[in-house]
């Protein structure tokens, strides 16, 4: 079972979504089950409450993998990654809004980008133990969301708010306003604008906009499963079908056709055949 909801009003400038799951582990799995996770450009905070840490793989045929940990920050990405979902664990997660990572973690988002970081590398082990203990002592899923909300609220005194420059840029990028125009509107040089945005969001303005457009492609494919490739490329503003295919392969490590054949139930989580 999985629940999700927006945070309380005081957290909405910084947090997009809170979610929790009870694990629902497969009984005695006979093989490793892997999943390809596609990039969104967002930062995630995840607490796995069981004994099985997050494990990620460098390729579908990687049988060793890399063990990351049970309390993890998933930094903003422009590339997919492969994770082990053989033994789901009870989990509590937080989806941060772009630009909020440094305010909550005290680390620029570009230092978290493209990788998983153990939370105990950022927060003190004592603080982390207290958080995990509170979550483990709270069996009800909805109440676990309240616990993690309280943890985030406790960090609010040191949070002054998102940089208005970043808010303006994100709002315009969601409307597909070109990067050059947004930089001009900021009143700063393009170089300065790009540096501030990259530090706050974790991806450069151009890369972030490309990931946003890729996400719109995934969402449209789910809404319109029969749409032709040429029509899809035109609808989302690509120069042509070949341009869209190149971008799709970069961000998904799959062609659009292979992605469609996989029929993922969630657009950004693709099951991998064994």
Foldseek 3Di string as FASTA:
>chain_A
DKDKDQAPPVCVLWFGMKMWDAFPADPPDPDWWKKKFFFQLWKKWKAFLDDQAKWWDPDPPGPPTDGAGRTKIQAHEQAITMITSNGGGTMIMTITDFLNVCLQQVFFRLVNYPDMHHSCVGDPPVVVVVLSVVLVVDPDRVVNSVSVSVVSVVSCVSHPGGDVLLVQLVVVLLVVDDLVVSCVVVVDDSVVSQVVSCRRRNDGSVSNSLSNLLVVLLVVCVVPVPDDQQVSCVVSPHPGSVRVQVSCCRRRVDGPVVLSVQVDPDSRIGIDDD
